[in-house]
Amino acid sequence: MKFKASIDIMPLEALLDPQGKAVSQSMDNLSLTEISNVRIGKHITLYVETSDENSAKKIVENACKNLLCNQIMESFTFTLSPS
């Protein structure tokens, strides 16, 4: 089976997010004062060909932990859907 993985990687809440802070300040400059605490991360989409959903989850988790996400500074979540 083929699965589509949608992965979101975000900076840890305890860490500063300079990009998010810059965007938050720009929101003020654009009179969008209702928007605050912007956090900027990454979204990755990939496809996994494997026999079942559990195997696909393990493969995606392994890819996130070993390559896509720096777990010292970031966290990740993902969803799988049949493709």
PDB file of N, CA and C in Angstrom:
ATOM      1  N   MET A   1       0.836  -1.186   0.000  1.00  0.00           N
ATOM      2  CA  MET A   1       0.000   0.000   0.000  1.00  0.00           C
ATOM      3  C   MET A   1       0.880   1.248   0.000  1.00  0.00           C
ATOM      4  N   LYS A   2       0.306   2.307  -0.494  1.00  0.00           N
ATOM      5  CA  LYS A   2       1.008   3.584  -0.500  1.00  0.00           C
ATOM      6  C   LYS A   2       0.287   4.534   0.456  1.00  0.00           C
ATOM      7  N   PHE A   3       1.063   5.202   1.320  1.00  0.00           N
ATOM      8  CA  PHE A   3       0.518   6.138   2.298  1.00  0.00           C
ATOM      9  C   PHE A   3       1.130   7.510   2.099  1.00  0.00           C
ATOM     10  N   LYS A   4       0.316   8.528   2.308  1.00  0.00           N
ATOM     11  CA  LYS A   4       0.793   9.912   2.281  1.00  0.00           C
ATOM     12  C   LYS A   4       0.981  10.357   3.721  1.00  0.00           C
ATOM     13  N   ALA A   5       2.171  10.856   4.036  1.00  0.00           N
ATOM     14  CA  ALA A   5       2.463  11.373   5.373  1.00  0.00           C
ATOM     15  C   ALA A   5       2.523  12.893   5.300  1.00  0.00           C
ATOM     16  N   SER A   6       1.783  13.539   6.182  1.00  0.00           N
ATOM     17  CA  SER A   6       1.832  14.993   6.333  1.00  0.00           C
ATOM     18  C   SER A   6       2.472  15.279   7.682  1.00  0.00           C
ATOM     19  N   ILE A   7       3.652  15.880   7.636  1.00  0.00           N
ATOM     20  CA  ILE A   7       4.471  16.058   8.836  1.00  0.00           C
ATOM     21  C   ILE A   7       4.578  17.543   9.160  1.00  0.00           C
ATOM     22  N   ASP A   8       4.338  17.896  10.415  1.00  0.00           N
ATOM     23  CA  ASP A   8       4.529  19.264  10.892  1.00  0.00           C
ATOM     24  C   ASP A   8       5.648  19.265  11.916  1.00  0.00           C
ATOM     25  N   ILE A   9       6.617  20.147  11.705  1.00  0.00           N
ATOM     26  CA  ILE A   9       7.753  20.289  12.610  1.00  0.00           C
ATOM     27  C   ILE A   9       7.748  21.723  13.135  1.00  0.00           C
ATOM     28  N   MET A  10       7.743  21.842  14.450  1.00  0.00           N
ATOM     29  CA  MET A  10       7.658  23.157  15.081  1.00  0.00           C
ATOM     30  C   MET A  10       8.767  23.323  16.116  1.00  0.00           C
ATOM     31  N   PRO A  11       9.210  24.573  16.329  1.00  0.00           N
ATOM     32  CA  PRO A  11      10.177  24.799  17.401  1.00  0.00           C
ATOM     33  C   PRO A  11       9.532  24.470  18.756  1.00  0.00           C
ATOM     34  N   LEU A  12      10.317  23.959  19.677  1.00  0.00           N
ATOM     35  CA  LEU A  12       9.806  23.679  21.015  1.00  0.00           C
ATOM     36  C   LEU A  12       9.287  24.962  21.650  1.00  0.00           C
ATOM     37  N   GLU A  13       8.214  24.833  22.419  1.00  0.00           N
ATOM     38  CA  GLU A  13       7.589  26.004  23.046  1.00  0.00           C
ATOM     39  C   GLU A  13       8.562  26.770  23.943  1.00  0.00           C
ATOM     40  N   ALA A  14       9.470  26.059  24.582  1.00  0.00           N
ATOM     41  CA  ALA A  14      10.399  26.702  25.528  1.00  0.00           C
ATOM     42  C   ALA A  14      11.479  27.526  24.828  1.00  0.00           C
ATOM     43  N   LEU A  15      11.628  27.348  23.516  1.00  0.00           N
ATOM     44  CA  LEU A  15      12.689  28.043  22.788  1.00  0.00           C
ATOM     45  C   LEU A  15      12.165  29.279  22.083  1.00  0.00           C
ATOM     46  N   LEU A  16      13.048  30.244  21.919  1.00  0.00           N
ATOM     47  CA  LEU A  16      12.699  31.434  21.144  1.00  0.00           C
ATOM     48  C   LEU A  16      12.508  31.054  19.681  1.00  0.00           C
ATOM     49  N   ASP A  17      11.624  31.766  19.016  1.00  0.00           N
ATOM     50  CA  ASP A  17      11.371  31.569  17.593  1.00  0.00           C
ATOM     51  C   ASP A  17      11.581  32.928  16.909  1.00  0.00           C
ATOM     52  N   PRO A  18      12.829  33.236  16.484  1.00  0.00           N
ATOM     53  CA  PRO A  18      13.112  34.554  15.903  1.00  0.00           C
ATOM     54  C   PRO A  18      12.252  34.876  14.684  1.00  0.00           C
ATOM     55  N   GLN A  19      12.002  33.888  13.827  1.00  0.00           N
ATOM     56  CA  GLN A  19      11.149  34.132  12.656  1.00  0.00           C
ATOM     57  C   GLN A  19       9.733  34.485  13.096  1.00  0.00           C
ATOM     58  N   GLY A  20       9.216  33.723  14.022  1.00  0.00           N
ATOM     59  CA  GLY A  20       7.869  33.988  14.527  1.00  0.00           C
ATOM     60  C   GLY A  20       7.771  35.346  15.185  1.00  0.00           C
ATOM     61  N   LYS A  21       8.796  35.714  15.937  1.00  0.00           N
ATOM     62  CA  LYS A  21       8.801  37.014  16.601  1.00  0.00           C
ATOM     63  C   LYS A  21       8.803  38.147  15.574  1.00  0.00           C
ATOM     64  N   ALA A  22       9.606  38.006  14.516  1.00  0.00           N
ATOM     65  CA  ALA A  22       9.657  39.028  13.463  1.00  0.00           C
ATOM     66  C   ALA A  22       8.299  39.161  12.785  1.00  0.00           C
ATOM     67  N   VAL A  23       7.650  38.033  12.518  1.00  0.00           N
ATOM     68  CA  VAL A  23       6.332  38.085  11.886  1.00  0.00           C
ATOM     69  C   VAL A  23       5.313  38.707  12.839  1.00  0.00           C
ATOM     70  N   SER A  24       5.376  38.380  14.114  1.00  0.00           N
ATOM     71  CA  SER A  24       4.468  38.984  15.098  1.00  0.00           C
ATOM     72  C   SER A  24       4.611  40.502  15.108  1.00  0.00           C
ATOM     73  N   GLN A  25       5.848  40.980  15.087  1.00  0.00           N
ATOM     74  CA  GLN A  25       6.077  42.423  15.074  1.00  0.00           C
ATOM     75  C   GLN A  25       5.550  43.056  13.784  1.00  0.00           C
ATOM     76  N   SER A  26       5.708  42.354  12.678  1.00  0.00           N
ATOM     77  CA  SER A  26       5.189  42.859  11.404  1.00  0.00           C
ATOM     78  C   SER A  26       3.669  42.924  11.409  1.00  0.00           C
ATOM     79  N   MET A  27       3.025  42.004  12.104  1.00  0.00           N
ATOM     80  CA  MET A  27       1.562  42.041  12.213  1.00  0.00           C
ATOM     81  C   MET A  27       1.126  43.337  12.873  1.00  0.00           C
ATOM     82  N   ASP A  28       1.851  43.753  13.918  1.00  0.00           N
ATOM     83  CA  ASP A  28       1.553  45.031  14.573  1.00  0.00           C
ATOM     84  C   ASP A  28       1.703  46.184  13.586  1.00  0.00           C
ATOM     85  N   ASN A  29       2.782  46.156  12.796  1.00  0.00           N
ATOM     86  CA  ASN A  29       3.021  47.222  11.819  1.00  0.00           C
ATOM     87  C   ASN A  29       1.921  47.292  10.766  1.00  0.00           C
ATOM     88  N   LEU A  30       1.272  46.167  10.492  1.00  0.00           N
ATOM     89  CA  LEU A  30       0.187  46.121   9.511  1.00  0.00           C
ATOM     90  C   LEU A  30      -1.185  46.321  10.156  1.00  0.00           C
ATOM     91  N   SER A  31      -1.183  46.760  11.407  1.00  0.00           N
ATOM     92  CA  SER A  31      -2.416  46.977  12.181  1.00  0.00           C
ATOM     93  C   SER A  31      -3.225  45.699  12.361  1.00  0.00           C
ATOM     94  N   LEU A  32      -2.542  44.566  12.385  1.00  0.00           N
ATOM     95  CA  LEU A  32      -3.187  43.283  12.669  1.00  0.00           C
ATOM     96  C   LEU A  32      -2.897  42.914  14.123  1.00  0.00           C
ATOM     97  N   THR A  33      -3.316  43.792  15.013  1.00  0.00           N
ATOM     98  CA  THR A  33      -2.972  43.666  16.426  1.00  0.00           C
ATOM     99  C   THR A  33      -3.666  42.476  17.106  1.00  0.00           C
ATOM    100  N   GLU A  34      -4.673  41.892  16.448  1.00  0.00           N
ATOM    101  CA  GLU A  34      -5.363  40.732  17.022  1.00  0.00           C
ATOM    102  C   GLU A  34      -4.492  39.475  16.946  1.00  0.00           C
ATOM    103  N   ILE A  35      -3.453  39.508  16.112  1.00  0.00           N
ATOM    104  CA  ILE A  35      -2.585  38.343  15.924  1.00  0.00           C
ATOM    105  C   ILE A  35      -1.345  38.491  16.785  1.00  0.00           C
ATOM    106  N   SER A  36      -1.012  37.435  17.541  1.00  0.00           N
ATOM    107  CA  SER A  36       0.175  37.493  18.393  1.00  0.00           C
ATOM    108  C   SER A  36       0.765  36.092  18.534  1.00  0.00           C
ATOM    109  N   ASN A  37       1.955  36.042  19.099  1.00  0.00           N
ATOM    110  CA  ASN A  37       2.628  34.774  19.399  1.00  0.00           C
ATOM    111  C   ASN A  37       2.722  33.841  18.191  1.00  0.00           C
ATOM    112  N   VAL A  38       3.154  34.363  17.065  1.00  0.00           N
ATOM    113  CA  VAL A  38       3.312  33.567  15.858  1.00  0.00           C
ATOM    114  C   VAL A  38       4.502  32.618  16.042  1.00  0.00           C
ATOM    115  N   ARG A  39       4.319  31.365  15.666  1.00  0.00           N
ATOM    116  CA  ARG A  39       5.391  30.367  15.669  1.00  0.00           C
ATOM    117  C   ARG A  39       5.499  29.843  14.237  1.00  0.00           C
ATOM    118  N   ILE A  40       6.694  29.745  13.718  1.00  0.00           N
ATOM    119  CA  ILE A  40       6.902  29.298  12.344  1.00  0.00           C
ATOM    120  C   ILE A  40       7.658  27.975  12.348  1.00  0.00           C
ATOM    121  N   GLY A  41       7.150  27.041  11.588  1.00  0.00           N
ATOM    122  CA  GLY A  41       7.762  25.726  11.494  1.00  0.00           C
ATOM    123  C   GLY A  41       7.850  25.269  10.050  1.00  0.00           C
ATOM    124  N   LYS A  42       7.896  23.951   9.884  1.00  0.00           N
ATOM    125  CA  LYS A  42       8.009  23.354   8.551  1.00  0.00           C
ATOM    126  C   LYS A  42       6.879  22.357   8.350  1.00  0.00           C
ATOM    127  N   HIS A  43       6.448  22.230   7.112  1.00  0.00           N
ATOM    128  CA  HIS A  43       5.487  21.193   6.741  1.00  0.00           C
ATOM    129  C   HIS A  43       6.133  20.353   5.643  1.00  0.00           C
ATOM    130  N   ILE A  44       6.129  19.057   5.826  1.00  0.00           N
ATOM    131  CA  ILE A  44       6.739  18.136   4.865  1.00  0.00           C
ATOM    132  C   ILE A  44       5.695  17.090   4.472  1.00  0.00           C
ATOM    133  N   THR A  45       5.594  16.826   3.186  1.00  0.00           N
ATOM    134  CA  THR A  45       4.725  15.763   2.679  1.00  0.00           C
ATOM    135  C   THR A  45       5.605  14.735   1.988  1.00  0.00           C
ATOM    136  N   LEU A  46       5.366  13.468   2.307  1.00  0.00           N
ATOM    137  CA  LEU A  46       6.105  12.405   1.629  1.00  0.00           C
ATOM    138  C   LEU A  46       5.203  11.184   1.501  1.00  0.00           C
ATOM    139  N   TYR A  47       5.624  10.263   0.652  1.00  0.00           N
ATOM    140  CA  TYR A  47       4.851   9.048   0.406  1.00  0.00           C
ATOM    141  C   TYR A  47       5.671   7.832   0.829  1.00  0.00           C
ATOM    142  N   VAL A  48       4.981   6.868   1.419  1.00  0.00           N
ATOM    143  CA  VAL A  48       5.626   5.647   1.904  1.00  0.00           C
ATOM    144  C   VAL A  48       4.921   4.449   1.273  1.00  0.00           C
ATOM    145  N   GLU A  49       5.694   3.565   0.698  1.00  0.00           N
ATOM    146  CA  GLU A  49       5.151   2.324   0.122  1.00  0.00           C
ATOM    147  C   GLU A  49       5.526   1.183   1.062  1.00  0.00           C
ATOM    148  N   THR A  50       4.511   0.598   1.696  1.00  0.00           N
ATOM    149  CA  THR A  50       4.742  -0.491   2.634  1.00  0.00           C
ATOM    150  C   THR A  50       3.491  -1.352   2.755  1.00  0.00           C
ATOM    151  N   SER A  51       3.590  -2.430   3.493  1.00  0.00           N
ATOM    152  CA  SER A  51       2.495  -3.402   3.538  1.00  0.00           C
ATOM    153  C   SER A  51       1.294  -2.953   4.377  1.00  0.00           C
ATOM    154  N   ASP A  52       1.520  -2.147   5.430  1.00  0.00           N
ATOM    155  CA  ASP A  52       0.403  -1.762   6.297  1.00  0.00           C
ATOM    156  C   ASP A  52       0.684  -0.415   6.974  1.00  0.00           C
ATOM    157  N   GLU A  53      -0.348   0.117   7.622  1.00  0.00           N
ATOM    158  CA  GLU A  53      -0.261   1.440   8.228  1.00  0.00           C
ATOM    159  C   GLU A  53       0.730   1.486   9.394  1.00  0.00           C
ATOM    160  N   ASN A  54       0.791   0.436  10.199  1.00  0.00           N
ATOM    161  CA  ASN A  54       1.737   0.415  11.323  1.00  0.00           C
ATOM    162  C   ASN A  54       3.179   0.503  10.842  1.00  0.00           C
ATOM    163  N   SER A  55       3.494  -0.201   9.772  1.00  0.00           N
ATOM    164  CA  SER A  55       4.844  -0.122   9.202  1.00  0.00           C
ATOM    165  C   SER A  55       5.124   1.285   8.690  1.00  0.00           C
ATOM    166  N   ALA A  56       4.132   1.880   8.039  1.00  0.00           N
ATOM    167  CA  ALA A  56       4.297   3.240   7.524  1.00  0.00           C
ATOM    168  C   ALA A  56       4.559   4.220   8.669  1.00  0.00           C
ATOM    169  N   LYS A  57       3.826   4.066   9.779  1.00  0.00           N
ATOM    170  CA  LYS A  57       4.032   4.943  10.940  1.00  0.00           C
ATOM    171  C   LYS A  57       5.461   4.825  11.464  1.00  0.00           C
ATOM    172  N   LYS A  58       5.949   3.605  11.565  1.00  0.00           N
ATOM    173  CA  LYS A  58       7.310   3.392  12.063  1.00  0.00           C
ATOM    174  C   LYS A  58       8.347   4.010  11.132  1.00  0.00           C
ATOM    175  N   ILE A  59       8.135   3.879   9.829  1.00  0.00           N
ATOM    176  CA  ILE A  59       9.078   4.433   8.858  1.00  0.00           C
ATOM    177  C   ILE A  59       9.095   5.962   8.935  1.00  0.00           C
ATOM    178  N   VAL A  60       7.913   6.573   8.994  1.00  0.00           N
ATOM    179  CA  VAL A  60       7.834   8.040   9.061  1.00  0.00           C
ATOM    180  C   VAL A  60       8.430   8.541  10.368  1.00  0.00           C
ATOM    181  N   GLU A  61       8.109   7.883  11.470  1.00  0.00           N
ATOM    182  CA  GLU A  61       8.666   8.287  12.764  1.00  0.00           C
ATOM    183  C   GLU A  61      10.193   8.193  12.752  1.00  0.00           C
ATOM    184  N   ASN A  62      10.726   7.142  12.171  1.00  0.00           N
ATOM    185  CA  ASN A  62      12.169   6.968  12.057  1.00  0.00           C
ATOM    186  C   ASN A  62      12.788   8.094  11.222  1.00  0.00           C
ATOM    187  N   ALA A  63      12.144   8.431  10.096  1.00  0.00           N
ATOM    188  CA  ALA A  63      12.638   9.517   9.245  1.00  0.00           C
ATOM    189  C   ALA A  63      12.632  10.845   9.995  1.00  0.00           C
ATOM    190  N   CYS A  64      11.579  11.085  10.758  1.00  0.00           N
ATOM    191  CA  CYS A  64      11.491  12.334  11.529  1.00  0.00           C
ATOM    192  C   CYS A  64      12.580  12.403  12.597  1.00  0.00           C
ATOM    193  N   LYS A  65      12.715  11.341  13.358  1.00  0.00           N
ATOM    194  CA  LYS A  65      13.680  11.327  14.457  1.00  0.00           C
ATOM    195  C   LYS A  65      15.129  11.387  13.984  1.00  0.00           C
ATOM    196  N   ASN A  66      15.436  10.763  12.850  1.00  0.00           N
ATOM    197  CA  ASN A  66      16.822  10.646  12.416  1.00  0.00           C
ATOM    198  C   ASN A  66      17.262  11.639  11.352  1.00  0.00           C
ATOM    199  N   LEU A  67      16.311  12.319  10.711  1.00  0.00           N
ATOM    200  CA  LEU A  67      16.705  13.215   9.632  1.00  0.00           C
ATOM    201  C   LEU A  67      15.926  14.523   9.591  1.00  0.00           C
ATOM    202  N   LEU A  68      14.613  14.458   9.671  1.00  0.00           N
ATOM    203  CA  LEU A  68      13.797  15.636   9.393  1.00  0.00           C
ATOM    204  C   LEU A  68      13.670  16.609  10.560  1.00  0.00           C
ATOM    205  N   CYS A  69      13.771  16.114  11.772  1.00  0.00           N
ATOM    206  CA  CYS A  69      13.525  16.925  12.960  1.00  0.00           C
ATOM    207  C   CYS A  69      14.740  16.918  13.886  1.00  0.00           C
ATOM    208  N   ASN A  70      15.159  18.087  14.318  1.00  0.00           N
ATOM    209  CA  ASN A  70      16.199  18.202  15.338  1.00  0.00           C
ATOM    210  C   ASN A  70      15.485  18.206  16.685  1.00  0.00           C
ATOM    211  N   GLN A  71      15.424  17.057  17.336  1.00  0.00           N
ATOM    212  CA  GLN A  71      14.614  16.921  18.543  1.00  0.00           C
ATOM    213  C   GLN A  71      15.125  17.712  19.742  1.00  0.00           C
ATOM    214  N   ILE A  72      16.305  18.271  19.645  1.00  0.00           N
ATOM    215  CA  ILE A  72      16.798  19.149  20.705  1.00  0.00           C
ATOM    216  C   ILE A  72      16.042  20.476  20.664  1.00  0.00           C
ATOM    217  N   MET A  73      15.661  20.902  19.452  1.00  0.00           N
ATOM    218  CA  MET A  73      15.035  22.212  19.274  1.00  0.00           C
ATOM    219  C   MET A  73      13.619  22.150  18.704  1.00  0.00           C
ATOM    220  N   GLU A  74      13.197  20.987  18.203  1.00  0.00           N
ATOM    221  CA  GLU A  74      11.925  20.901  17.502  1.00  0.00           C
ATOM    222  C   GLU A  74      11.120  19.682  17.954  1.00  0.00           C
ATOM    223  N   SER A  75       9.824  19.759  17.712  1.00  0.00           N
ATOM    224  CA  SER A  75       8.947  18.607  17.914  1.00  0.00           C
ATOM    225  C   SER A  75       8.232  18.336  16.594  1.00  0.00           C
ATOM    226  N   PHE A  76       7.709  17.123  16.453  1.00  0.00           N
ATOM    227  CA  PHE A  76       7.002  16.797  15.218  1.00  0.00           C
ATOM    228  C   PHE A  76       5.712  16.043  15.496  1.00  0.00           C
ATOM    229  N   THR A  77       4.768  16.203  14.593  1.00  0.00           N
ATOM    230  CA  THR A  77       3.560  15.419  14.558  1.00  0.00           C
ATOM    231  C   THR A  77       3.325  15.040  13.105  1.00  0.00           C
ATOM    232  N   PHE A  78       2.600  13.940  12.889  1.00  0.00           N
ATOM    233  CA  PHE A  78       2.278  13.584  11.520  1.00  0.00           C
ATOM    234  C   PHE A  78       0.974  12.814  11.448  1.00  0.00           C
ATOM    235  N   THR A  79       0.383  12.846  10.272  1.00  0.00           N
ATOM    236  CA  THR A  79      -0.792  12.052   9.969  1.00  0.00           C
ATOM    237  C   THR A  79      -0.510  11.232   8.719  1.00  0.00           C
ATOM    238  N   LEU A  80      -1.135  10.081   8.643  1.00  0.00           N
ATOM    239  CA  LEU A  80      -1.024   9.212   7.480  1.00  0.00           C
ATOM    240  C   LEU A  80      -2.405   9.048   6.855  1.00  0.00           C
ATOM    241  N   SER A  81      -2.408   8.987   5.536  1.00  0.00           N
ATOM    242  CA  SER A  81      -3.638   8.678   4.826  1.00  0.00           C
ATOM    243  C   SER A  81      -3.306   7.786   3.640  1.00  0.00           C
ATOM    244  N   PRO A  82      -4.209   6.862   3.305  1.00  0.00           N
ATOM    245  CA  PRO A  82      -3.955   6.023   2.140  1.00  0.00           C
ATOM    246  C   PRO A  82      -3.847   6.879   0.881  1.00  0.00           C
ATOM    247  N   SER A  83      -2.980   6.507  -0.011  1.00  0.00           N
ATOM    248  CA  SER A  83      -2.802   7.296  -1.221  1.00  0.00           C
ATOM    249  C   SER A  83      -3.071   6.442  -2.444  1.00  0.00           C
TER     250      SER A  83
END
